[in-house]
C-alpha atoms as a PDB file:
ATOM      1  CA  MET A   1     -91.737 -59.338 -63.950  1.00  0.00           C
ATOM      2  CA  ARG A   2     -93.100 -60.179 -60.924  1.00  0.00           C
ATOM      3  CA  THR A   3     -90.485 -60.937 -57.810  1.00  0.00           C
ATOM      4  CA  ALA A   4     -90.650 -63.358 -56.006  1.00  0.00           C
ATOM      5  CA  PRO A   5     -92.376 -63.508 -52.405  1.00  0.00           C
ATOM      6  CA  GLY A   6     -89.420 -64.525 -50.684  1.00  0.00           C
ATOM      7  CA  ALA A   7     -86.554 -62.327 -52.394  1.00  0.00           C
ATOM      8  CA  GLU A   8     -88.888 -59.196 -50.511  1.00  0.00           C
ATOM      9  CA  GLU A   9     -87.416 -60.465 -47.238  1.00  0.00           C
ATOM     10  CA  PRO A  10     -83.737 -60.293 -47.788  1.00  0.00           C
ATOM     11  CA  THR A  11     -83.716 -56.442 -49.918  1.00  0.00           C
ATOM     12  CA  GLU A  12     -85.843 -55.423 -47.064  1.00  0.00           C
ATOM     13  CA  ARG A  13     -83.564 -56.848 -44.163  1.00  0.00           C
ATOM     14  CA  ARG A  14     -80.710 -54.877 -45.852  1.00  0.00           C
ATOM     15  CA  ARG A  15     -82.929 -51.267 -45.720  1.00  0.00           C
ATOM     16  CA  ALA A  16     -82.602 -51.549 -42.424  1.00  0.00           C
ATOM     17  CA  GLN A  17     -79.489 -52.642 -42.035  1.00  0.00           C
ATOM     18  CA  GLN A  18     -77.922 -49.989 -43.969  1.00  0.00           C
ATOM     19  CA  TYR A  19     -80.541 -47.368 -41.988  1.00  0.00           C
ATOM     20  CA  ARG A  20     -79.446 -48.733 -39.157  1.00  0.00           C
ATOM     21  CA  HIS A  21     -75.679 -48.575 -40.174  1.00  0.00           C
ATOM     22  CA  ARG A  22     -76.663 -44.533 -40.693  1.00  0.00           C
ATOM     23  CA  LYS A  23     -78.031 -43.659 -37.639  1.00  0.00           C
ATOM     24  CA  GLU A  24     -75.161 -45.612 -35.502  1.00  0.00           C
ATOM     25  CA  PRO A  25     -72.892 -42.965 -36.653  1.00  0.00           C
ATOM     26  CA  ARG A  26     -75.458 -40.002 -36.031  1.00  0.00           C
ATOM     27  CA  ALA A  27     -75.947 -41.482 -32.739  1.00  0.00           C
ATOM     28  CA  ALA A  28     -72.347 -41.833 -31.990  1.00  0.00           C
ATOM     29  CA  MET A  29     -71.497 -37.994 -33.043  1.00  0.00           C
ATOM     30  CA  LEU A  30     -73.733 -36.699 -30.687  1.00  0.00           C
ATOM     31  CA  LEU A  31     -72.948 -39.066 -27.907  1.00  0.00           C
ATOM     32  CA  THR A  32     -69.252 -37.414 -28.540  1.00  0.00           C
ATOM     33  CA  ALA A  33     -70.304 -34.105 -29.355  1.00  0.00           C
ATOM     34  CA  ALA A  34     -72.270 -34.064 -25.426  1.00  0.00           C
ATOM     35  CA  ALA A  35     -69.518 -35.554 -23.575  1.00  0.00           C
ATOM     36  CA  TRP A  36     -67.395 -32.868 -25.152  1.00  0.00           C
ATOM     37  CA  LEU A  37     -69.725 -30.202 -23.836  1.00  0.00           C
ATOM     38  CA  ALA A  38     -69.769 -31.734 -20.464  1.00  0.00           C
ATOM     39  CA  GLY A  39     -65.993 -31.961 -20.750  1.00  0.00           C
ATOM     40  CA  ILE A  40     -65.705 -27.637 -21.103  1.00  0.00           C
ATOM     41  CA  LEU A  41     -68.332 -26.977 -18.635  1.00  0.00           C
ATOM     42  CA  PHE A  42     -66.391 -29.126 -15.859  1.00  0.00           C
ATOM     43  CA  ALA A  43     -63.166 -27.452 -17.028  1.00  0.00           C
ATOM     44  CA  LEU A  44     -63.872 -24.373 -17.962  1.00  0.00           C
ATOM     45  CA  PRO A  45     -64.230 -23.210 -13.823  1.00  0.00           C
ATOM     46  CA  VAL A  46     -60.459 -24.489 -13.898  1.00  0.00           C
ATOM     47  CA  ALA A  47     -59.050 -22.507 -16.678  1.00  0.00           C
ATOM     48  CA  TRP A  48     -61.050 -19.321 -15.751  1.00  0.00           C
ATOM     49  CA  MET A  49     -58.838 -19.889 -12.251  1.00  0.00           C
ATOM     50  CA  ILE A  50     -55.732 -20.495 -13.519  1.00  0.00           C
ATOM     51  CA  LEU A  51     -56.008 -17.292 -15.944  1.00  0.00           C
ATOM     52  CA  THR A  52     -57.151 -15.353 -13.349  1.00  0.00           C
ATOM     53  CA  SER A  53     -54.490 -16.594 -11.002  1.00  0.00           C
ATOM     54  CA  PHE A  54     -51.486 -14.800 -13.922  1.00  0.00           C
ATOM     55  CA  HIS A  55     -53.703 -11.498 -13.584  1.00  0.00           C
ATOM     56  CA  GLY A  56     -52.800  -8.522 -11.304  1.00  0.00           C
ATOM     57  CA  GLU A  57     -55.403  -8.119  -8.599  1.00  0.00           C
ATOM     58  CA  THR A  58     -57.163  -5.043 -10.267  1.00  0.00           C
ATOM     59  CA  ASP A  59     -57.377  -6.858 -13.440  1.00  0.00           C
ATOM     60  CA  ALA A  60     -58.749 -10.041 -11.859  1.00  0.00           C
ATOM     61  CA  ALA A  61     -61.898  -7.789  -9.693  1.00  0.00           C
ATOM     62  CA  LYS A  62     -62.914  -6.296 -13.122  1.00  0.00           C
ATOM     63  CA  ASN A  63     -66.492  -6.923 -13.720  1.00  0.00           C
ATOM     64  CA  PRO A  64     -66.613  -7.889 -16.525  1.00  0.00           C
ATOM     65  CA  PRO A  65     -63.715  -9.795 -16.363  1.00  0.00           C
ATOM     66  CA  ASP A  66     -60.989  -8.702 -18.906  1.00  0.00           C
ATOM     67  CA  LEU A  67     -59.587 -11.663 -20.807  1.00  0.00           C
ATOM     68  CA  PHE A  68     -56.498  -9.713 -22.581  1.00  0.00           C
ATOM     69  CA  ALA A  69     -55.578  -8.386 -19.241  1.00  0.00           C
ATOM     70  CA  PRO A  70     -51.479  -8.633 -18.822  1.00  0.00           C
ATOM     71  CA  LEU A  71     -50.140 -11.212 -17.179  1.00  0.00           C
ATOM     72  CA  SER A  72     -48.434 -11.177 -14.064  1.00  0.00           C
ATOM     73  CA  LEU A  73     -47.015 -13.524 -11.621  1.00  0.00           C
ATOM     74  CA  GLU A  74     -47.608 -11.749  -8.631  1.00  0.00           C
ATOM     75  CA  GLY A  75     -50.201 -13.872  -6.861  1.00  0.00           C
ATOM     76  CA  TYR A  76     -47.883 -16.359  -6.916  1.00  0.00           C
ATOM     77  CA  ARG A  77     -45.070 -14.547  -5.673  1.00  0.00           C
ATOM     78  CA  THR A  78     -47.217 -13.355  -2.449  1.00  0.00           C
ATOM     79  CA  PHE A  79     -48.147 -16.988  -2.011  1.00  0.00           C
ATOM     80  CA  PHE A  80     -44.486 -18.293  -1.906  1.00  0.00           C
ATOM     81  CA  ASP A  81     -43.324 -15.650   0.170  1.00  0.00           C
ATOM     82  CA  ALA A  82     -46.104 -16.802   2.907  1.00  0.00           C
ATOM     83  CA  GLY A  83     -44.266 -19.747   3.278  1.00  0.00           C
ATOM     84  CA  PRO A  84     -46.632 -22.387   2.199  1.00  0.00           C
ATOM     85  CA  TRP A  85     -44.049 -25.909   2.990  1.00  0.00           C
ATOM     86  CA  PRO A  86     -44.950 -26.716   6.340  1.00  0.00           C
ATOM     87  CA  PRO A  87     -48.563 -27.116   4.926  1.00  0.00           C
ATOM     88  CA  LEU A  88     -48.050 -28.758   2.106  1.00  0.00           C
ATOM     89  CA  LEU A  89     -45.825 -31.067   3.941  1.00  0.00           C
ATOM     90  CA  ASN A  90     -48.830 -31.283   6.744  1.00  0.00           C
ATOM     91  CA  SER A  91     -50.917 -32.220   3.934  1.00  0.00           C
ATOM     92  CA  LEU A  92     -49.291 -34.991   2.222  1.00  0.00           C
ATOM     93  CA  THR A  93     -48.192 -36.622   5.394  1.00  0.00           C
ATOM     94  CA  ALA A  94     -51.929 -36.690   6.536  1.00  0.00           C
ATOM     95  CA  SER A  95     -53.073 -37.931   3.196  1.00  0.00           C
ATOM     96  CA  VAL A  96     -50.344 -40.268   2.473  1.00  0.00           C
ATOM     97  CA  LEU A  97     -50.309 -42.352   5.516  1.00  0.00           C
ATOM     98  CA  SER A  98     -54.130 -41.891   6.196  1.00  0.00           C
ATOM     99  CA  THR A  99     -54.479 -43.392   2.679  1.00  0.00           C
ATOM    100  CA  VAL A 100     -51.609 -46.683   3.202  1.00  0.00           C
ATOM    101  CA  LEU A 101     -53.769 -47.185   6.737  1.00  0.00           C
ATOM    102  CA  VAL A 102     -57.405 -47.156   5.017  1.00  0.00           C
ATOM    103  CA  ILE A 103     -55.808 -49.660   1.983  1.00  0.00           C
ATOM    104  CA  VAL A 104     -54.236 -52.184   4.646  1.00  0.00           C
ATOM    105  CA  LEU A 105     -57.240 -52.365   7.004  1.00  0.00           C
ATOM    106  CA  ALA A 106     -60.266 -52.328   4.215  1.00  0.00           C
ATOM    107  CA  PHE A 107     -58.409 -54.876   2.301  1.00  0.00           C
ATOM    108  CA  PRO A 108     -59.294 -57.596   4.236  1.00  0.00           C
ATOM    109  CA  ALA A 109     -62.666 -56.271   5.646  1.00  0.00           C
ATOM    110  CA  ALA A 110     -63.635 -56.083   1.777  1.00  0.00           C
ATOM    111  CA  TYR A 111     -62.169 -59.968   1.813  1.00  0.00           C
ATOM    112  CA  ALA A 112     -64.238 -60.745   4.347  1.00  0.00           C
ATOM    113  CA  LEU A 113     -67.533 -59.562   3.179  1.00  0.00           C
ATOM    114  CA  SER A 114     -66.991 -60.621  -0.492  1.00  0.00           C
ATOM    115  CA  ILE A 115     -64.932 -63.977  -1.061  1.00  0.00           C
ATOM    116  CA  ARG A 116     -65.449 -64.946   2.507  1.00  0.00           C
ATOM    117  CA  PRO A 117     -68.286 -63.596   3.918  1.00  0.00           C
ATOM    118  CA  VAL A 118     -69.149 -63.527   7.734  1.00  0.00           C
ATOM    119  CA  LYS A 119     -72.391 -63.859   8.933  1.00  0.00           C
ATOM    120  CA  ALA A 120     -74.971 -61.158   8.829  1.00  0.00           C
ATOM    121  CA  TRP A 121     -72.494 -58.927   6.259  1.00  0.00           C
ATOM    122  CA  THR A 122     -75.321 -57.535   4.677  1.00  0.00           C
ATOM    123  CA  ASP A 123     -75.849 -55.733   8.319  1.00  0.00           C
ATOM    124  CA  VAL A 124     -71.798 -54.870   8.531  1.00  0.00           C
ATOM    125  CA  LEU A 125     -72.515 -52.786   4.954  1.00  0.00           C
ATOM    126  CA  PHE A 126     -74.895 -51.076   6.147  1.00  0.00           C
ATOM    127  CA  PHE A 127     -73.213 -49.951   9.397  1.00  0.00           C
ATOM    128  CA  PHE A 128     -70.224 -48.959   7.380  1.00  0.00           C
ATOM    129  CA  LEU A 129     -72.656 -46.733   5.045  1.00  0.00           C
ATOM    130  CA  SER A 130     -73.927 -45.302   7.686  1.00  0.00           C
ATOM    131  CA  THR A 131     -71.842 -43.515   9.292  1.00  0.00           C
ATOM    132  CA  LYS A 132     -71.267 -41.383   6.152  1.00  0.00           C
ATOM    133  CA  MET A 133     -75.184 -40.477   6.988  1.00  0.00           C
ATOM    134  CA  LEU A 134     -73.532 -38.368  10.366  1.00  0.00           C
ATOM    135  CA  PRO A 135     -72.403 -34.844   8.960  1.00  0.00           C
ATOM    136  CA  ILE A 136     -68.716 -34.290  10.345  1.00  0.00           C
ATOM    137  CA  VAL A 137     -69.989 -30.537  11.677  1.00  0.00           C
ATOM    138  CA  ALA A 138     -72.585 -32.825  14.028  1.00  0.00           C
ATOM    139  CA  GLY A 139     -69.744 -34.399  15.771  1.00  0.00           C
ATOM    140  CA  ILE A 140     -66.989 -32.065  15.722  1.00  0.00           C
ATOM    141  CA  LEU A 141     -67.527 -30.620  19.289  1.00  0.00           C
ATOM    142  CA  PRO A 142     -67.024 -34.274  21.059  1.00  0.00           C
ATOM    143  CA  ILE A 143     -64.061 -34.755  18.614  1.00  0.00           C
ATOM    144  CA  TYR A 144     -62.674 -31.128  19.326  1.00  0.00           C
ATOM    145  CA  LEU A 145     -63.347 -31.650  23.379  1.00  0.00           C
ATOM    146  CA  PHE A 146     -61.622 -35.727  22.929  1.00  0.00           C
ATOM    147  CA  ALA A 147     -58.301 -33.689  21.117  1.00  0.00           C
ATOM    148  CA  GLN A 148     -58.191 -31.117  24.047  1.00  0.00           C
ATOM    149  CA  ALA A 149     -58.564 -33.905  26.840  1.00  0.00           C
ATOM    150  CA  SER A 150     -55.765 -36.025  25.181  1.00  0.00           C
ATOM    151  CA  GLY A 151     -53.664 -32.878  24.184  1.00  0.00           C
ATOM    152  CA  LEU A 152     -54.034 -33.892  20.382  1.00  0.00           C
ATOM    153  CA  LEU A 153     -55.062 -30.573  19.358  1.00  0.00           C
ATOM    154  CA  ASP A 154     -52.540 -29.559  16.635  1.00  0.00           C
ATOM    155  CA  ASN A 155     -51.303 -32.769  16.258  1.00  0.00           C
ATOM    156  CA  ILE A 156     -50.606 -34.139  12.566  1.00  0.00           C
ATOM    157  CA  TRP A 157     -51.425 -37.701  14.127  1.00  0.00           C
ATOM    158  CA  LEU A 158     -55.030 -37.076  14.986  1.00  0.00           C
ATOM    159  CA  LEU A 159     -56.186 -35.943  11.602  1.00  0.00           C
ATOM    160  CA  VAL A 160     -54.415 -38.885  10.027  1.00  0.00           C
ATOM    161  CA  ILE A 161     -56.538 -41.057  12.460  1.00  0.00           C
ATOM    162  CA  LEU A 162     -59.408 -39.164  11.374  1.00  0.00           C
ATOM    163  CA  TYR A 163     -58.820 -39.267   7.515  1.00  0.00           C
ATOM    164  CA  THR A 164     -58.651 -42.806   8.380  1.00  0.00           C
ATOM    165  CA  SER A 165     -61.936 -43.590   9.899  1.00  0.00           C
ATOM    166  CA  MET A 166     -63.498 -40.983   7.527  1.00  0.00           C
ATOM    167  CA  ASN A 167     -62.036 -42.637   3.812  1.00  0.00           C
ATOM    168  CA  MET A 168     -62.340 -46.193   5.760  1.00  0.00           C
ATOM    169  CA  PRO A 169     -66.338 -47.226   4.612  1.00  0.00           C
ATOM    170  CA  ILE A 170     -65.463 -45.629   0.795  1.00  0.00           C
ATOM    171  CA  ALA A 171     -62.890 -47.685   0.618  1.00  0.00           C
ATOM    172  CA  VAL A 172     -64.436 -50.974   2.191  1.00  0.00           C
ATOM    173  CA  TRP A 173     -67.261 -50.678  -0.458  1.00  0.00           C
ATOM    174  CA  MET A 174     -65.140 -50.070  -3.493  1.00  0.00           C
ATOM    175  CA  LEU A 175     -63.309 -53.047  -2.795  1.00  0.00           C
ATOM    176  CA  ARG A 176     -65.870 -55.488  -1.881  1.00  0.00           C
ATOM    177  CA  SER A 177     -67.003 -54.622  -5.617  1.00  0.00           C
ATOM    178  CA  PHE A 178     -63.605 -55.091  -7.077  1.00  0.00           C
ATOM    179  CA  LEU A 179     -63.214 -58.369  -5.090  1.00  0.00           C
ATOM    180  CA  ALA A 180     -66.076 -60.166  -5.818  1.00  0.00           C
ATOM    181  CA  GLU A 181     -64.496 -60.335  -9.575  1.00  0.00           C
ATOM    182  CA  VAL A 182     -62.633 -62.881  -8.260  1.00  0.00           C
ATOM    183  CA  PRO A 183     -62.610 -66.343  -9.638  1.00  0.00           C
ATOM    184  CA  VAL A 184     -63.400 -68.160  -7.043  1.00  0.00           C
ATOM    185  CA  GLU A 185     -60.810 -70.864  -9.073  1.00  0.00           C
ATOM    186  CA  MET A 186     -58.094 -68.892  -8.304  1.00  0.00           C
ATOM    187  CA  LEU A 187     -58.522 -69.231  -3.916  1.00  0.00           C
ATOM    188  CA  GLU A 188     -59.064 -72.694  -4.256  1.00  0.00           C
ATOM    189  CA  ALA A 189     -55.907 -73.241  -6.899  1.00  0.00           C
ATOM    190  CA  ALA A 190     -54.081 -71.226  -3.805  1.00  0.00           C
ATOM    191  CA  GLN A 191     -55.559 -73.459  -1.068  1.00  0.00           C
ATOM    192  CA  VAL A 192     -54.085 -76.546  -2.915  1.00  0.00           C
ATOM    193  CA  ASP A 193     -51.136 -75.380  -3.203  1.00  0.00           C
ATOM    194  CA  GLY A 194     -50.928 -74.647   0.595  1.00  0.00           C
ATOM    195  CA  ALA A 195     -51.138 -70.907   0.849  1.00  0.00           C
ATOM    196  CA  GLY A 196     -52.515 -69.089   3.629  1.00  0.00           C
ATOM    197  CA  LEU A 197     -54.484 -66.204   4.160  1.00  0.00           C
ATOM    198  CA  ALA A 198     -52.048 -63.610   4.170  1.00  0.00           C
ATOM    199  CA  THR A 199     -50.063 -65.269   0.986  1.00  0.00           C
ATOM    200  CA  THR A 200     -53.135 -65.104  -0.572  1.00  0.00           C
ATOM    201  CA  LEU A 201     -54.279 -61.991  -0.293  1.00  0.00           C
ATOM    202  CA  ARG A 202     -50.973 -60.617  -1.026  1.00  0.00           C
ATOM    203  CA  LYS A 203     -49.709 -63.096  -3.727  1.00  0.00           C
ATOM    204  CA  VAL A 204     -52.663 -63.914  -5.438  1.00  0.00           C
ATOM    205  CA  ILE A 205     -55.662 -61.777  -4.633  1.00  0.00           C
ATOM    206  CA  ALA A 206     -53.958 -57.967  -5.000  1.00  0.00           C
ATOM    207  CA  PRO A 207     -52.221 -58.493  -8.313  1.00  0.00           C
ATOM    208  CA  VAL A 208     -55.587 -59.079  -9.767  1.00  0.00           C
ATOM    209  CA  VAL A 209     -57.366 -56.387  -7.863  1.00  0.00           C
ATOM    210  CA  MET A 210     -54.740 -53.597  -8.268  1.00  0.00           C
ATOM    211  CA  PRO A 211     -56.535 -51.369 -10.553  1.00  0.00           C
ATOM    212  CA  GLY A 212     -59.065 -50.889  -7.843  1.00  0.00           C
ATOM    213  CA  ILE A 213     -56.680 -50.677  -4.776  1.00  0.00           C
ATOM    214  CA  ALA A 214     -55.192 -47.890  -6.977  1.00  0.00           C
ATOM    215  CA  SER A 215     -58.590 -46.161  -7.631  1.00  0.00           C
ATOM    216  CA  ALA A 216     -59.862 -46.831  -3.734  1.00  0.00           C
ATOM    217  CA  ALA A 217     -56.393 -45.385  -2.652  1.00  0.00           C
ATOM    218  CA  LEU A 218     -56.604 -42.518  -5.197  1.00  0.00           C
ATOM    219  CA  ILE A 219     -59.731 -41.135  -3.990  1.00  0.00           C
ATOM    220  CA  CYS A 220     -59.412 -41.310  -0.681  1.00  0.00           C
ATOM    221  CA  PHE A 221     -55.624 -39.627  -0.652  1.00  0.00           C
ATOM    222  CA  ILE A 222     -58.295 -36.448  -3.018  1.00  0.00           C
ATOM    223  CA  PHE A 223     -60.806 -36.589  -0.174  1.00  0.00           C
ATOM    224  CA  SER A 224     -58.012 -36.537   2.975  1.00  0.00           C
ATOM    225  CA  TRP A 225     -56.227 -33.248   0.744  1.00  0.00           C
ATOM    226  CA  ASN A 226     -59.388 -31.410   0.267  1.00  0.00           C
ATOM    227  CA  GLU A 227     -60.664 -31.614   4.344  1.00  0.00           C
ATOM    228  CA  LEU A 228     -61.070 -28.453   5.290  1.00  0.00           C
ATOM    229  CA  LEU A 229     -63.824 -28.737   8.595  1.00  0.00           C
ATOM    230  CA  LEU A 230     -61.816 -30.865  10.760  1.00  0.00           C
ATOM    231  CA  ALA A 231     -58.174 -29.714   9.745  1.00  0.00           C
ATOM    232  CA  ARG A 232     -59.780 -25.941  10.482  1.00  0.00           C
ATOM    233  CA  VAL A 233     -60.983 -26.579  13.718  1.00  0.00           C
ATOM    234  CA  LEU A 234     -58.264 -28.886  15.292  1.00  0.00           C
ATOM    235  CA  THR A 235     -55.150 -27.677  13.810  1.00  0.00           C
ATOM    236  CA  SER A 236     -53.402 -24.034  14.002  1.00  0.00           C
ATOM    237  CA  THR A 237     -50.148 -23.543  13.199  1.00  0.00           C
ATOM    238  CA  VAL A 238     -48.128 -27.003  13.822  1.00  0.00           C
ATOM    239  CA  ALA A 239     -50.003 -28.762  11.670  1.00  0.00           C
ATOM    240  CA  GLN A 240     -51.835 -26.417   9.616  1.00  0.00           C
ATOM    241  CA  THR A 241     -52.633 -27.992   6.667  1.00  0.00           C
ATOM    242  CA  ALA A 242     -52.870 -26.831   2.521  1.00  0.00           C
ATOM    243  CA  PRO A 243     -56.780 -26.055   2.643  1.00  0.00           C
ATOM    244  CA  VAL A 244     -56.140 -24.162   5.758  1.00  0.00           C
ATOM    245  CA  PHE A 245     -53.370 -22.082   4.761  1.00  0.00           C
ATOM    246  CA  LEU A 246     -55.506 -21.174   1.200  1.00  0.00           C
ATOM    247  CA  THR A 247     -58.337 -19.675   3.706  1.00  0.00           C
ATOM    248  CA  GLY A 248     -55.797 -17.269   4.908  1.00  0.00           C
ATOM    249  CA  PHE A 249     -55.769 -15.222   1.616  1.00  0.00           C
ATOM    250  CA  VAL A 250     -59.547 -14.619   2.204  1.00  0.00           C
ATOM    251  CA  THR A 251     -59.266 -10.574   3.543  1.00  0.00           C
ATOM    252  CA  SER A 252     -62.172  -8.853   4.785  1.00  0.00           C
ATOM    253  CA  GLN A 253     -60.025  -5.409   3.567  1.00  0.00           C
ATOM    254  CA  GLY A 254     -58.198  -5.444  -0.062  1.00  0.00           C
ATOM    255  CA  LEU A 255     -58.054  -7.277  -3.116  1.00  0.00           C
ATOM    256  CA  PHE A 256     -57.454 -11.118  -3.054  1.00  0.00           C
ATOM    257  CA  LEU A 257     -59.052 -13.156  -5.970  1.00  0.00           C
ATOM    258  CA  ALA A 258     -55.637 -13.501  -7.896  1.00  0.00           C
ATOM    259  CA  LYS A 259     -53.663 -14.375  -5.084  1.00  0.00           C
ATOM    260  CA  VAL A 260     -56.626 -16.944  -3.871  1.00  0.00           C
ATOM    261  CA  CYS A 261     -56.417 -18.081  -7.484  1.00  0.00           C
ATOM    262  CA  ALA A 262     -52.935 -18.531  -7.523  1.00  0.00           C
ATOM    263  CA  ALA A 263     -52.845 -20.231  -4.221  1.00  0.00           C
ATOM    264  CA  SER A 264     -55.396 -22.735  -4.800  1.00  0.00           C
ATOM    265  CA  PHE A 265     -53.620 -23.868  -8.272  1.00  0.00           C
ATOM    266  CA  VAL A 266     -50.457 -24.793  -6.454  1.00  0.00           C
ATOM    267  CA  VAL A 267     -52.531 -26.562  -3.468  1.00  0.00           C
ATOM    268  CA  SER A 268     -54.627 -28.324  -6.043  1.00  0.00           C
ATOM    269  CA  LEU A 269     -51.437 -29.533  -8.326  1.00  0.00           C
ATOM    270  CA  PRO A 270     -50.721 -32.927  -6.061  1.00  0.00           C
ATOM    271  CA  VAL A 271     -53.775 -34.075  -6.617  1.00  0.00           C
ATOM    272  CA  LEU A 272     -54.235 -33.543 -10.419  1.00  0.00           C
ATOM    273  CA  ALA A 273     -50.563 -35.103 -10.369  1.00  0.00           C
ATOM    274  CA  ALA A 274     -51.664 -37.737  -8.967  1.00  0.00           C
ATOM    275  CA  GLY A 275     -54.574 -37.955 -11.053  1.00  0.00           C
ATOM    276  CA  PHE A 276     -52.698 -38.225 -13.944  1.00  0.00           C
ATOM    277  CA  ALA A 277     -50.496 -40.340 -13.385  1.00  0.00           C
ATOM    278  CA  ALA A 278     -53.407 -43.265 -12.243  1.00  0.00           C
ATOM    279  CA  GLN A 279     -56.031 -42.439 -15.120  1.00  0.00           C
ATOM    280  CA  ASP A 280     -55.087 -45.970 -16.542  1.00  0.00           C
ATOM    281  CA  LYS A 281     -55.440 -47.571 -13.204  1.00  0.00           C
ATOM    282  CA  LEU A 282     -58.520 -45.309 -12.503  1.00  0.00           C
ATOM    283  CA  VAL A 283     -60.320 -46.317 -15.225  1.00  0.00           C
ATOM    284  CA  GLN A 284     -59.520 -49.776 -15.590  1.00  0.00           C
ATOM    285  CA  GLY A 285     -60.491 -50.188 -11.807  1.00  0.00           C
ATOM    286  CA  LEU A 286     -63.840 -48.160 -11.758  1.00  0.00           C
ATOM    287  CA  SER A 287     -65.083 -50.679 -15.291  1.00  0.00           C
ATOM    288  CA  MET A 288     -63.903 -53.277 -13.165  1.00  0.00           C
ATOM    289  CA  GLY A 289     -65.557 -52.351 -10.030  1.00  0.00           C
ATOM    290  CA  ALA A 290     -68.873 -51.271 -12.327  1.00  0.00           C
ATOM    291  CA  VAL A 291     -69.130 -54.771 -14.283  1.00  0.00           C
ATOM    292  CA  LYS A 292     -70.849 -57.513 -12.196  1.00  0.00           C
END
């Protein structure tokens, strides 16, 4: 019995669909395995640092390392006995204040470069980006001389100003991509209702792009918290930050690996806590800014 020519077409289509359905789970499993592998590779050094921080100095310095060495809190005792609270408070002050200033200044700037573009806005964006092309070490001497002449050495407010200027280009570029997704109809409706610019930014636009603001603020906070070079050169004791305090555990004599790992873990806890608390908004904000 012969099959009609038209009957072969649905059969071939069904076979192609079945093959595609079999192929898709296999590809999804490979992508999942690759994602887990990448996550493990990124987390492995952090896990090793945490494990080393709970070992004694002798066990931490062994080569090859001993995974089953006795656990000890010696590194944490040394860290907290050294008085870390003033440097941690300085880092928190400089990071939080600079992040707030960055968001307050970058938000209207991003508005002027996206929703209501100013003239030559591409040149303005390039200027913002060009400020990140100069390495910080290339400008550290004039910054130091200015701070010395103005009496701002070892002053936390100098770090606040520098961290604000350092993170401003990143925040403007990020917020501009988020604001570009705001529907124009919302702004027109706000204008019809008689809302001014400040009211529109605060009550109409800000709630819509809040995930983007949160992600930009988190990234600026992390960059400020982890900054070392400026704090190392421009501070000594009064305005010393946590990264500078951490480097004090690296000595030329004796063993220090467990103490450094313990100090690194404690210093990284505020950043980890902030990232964990804002992870939903961070993912939402980054994905919103990436979709056009």
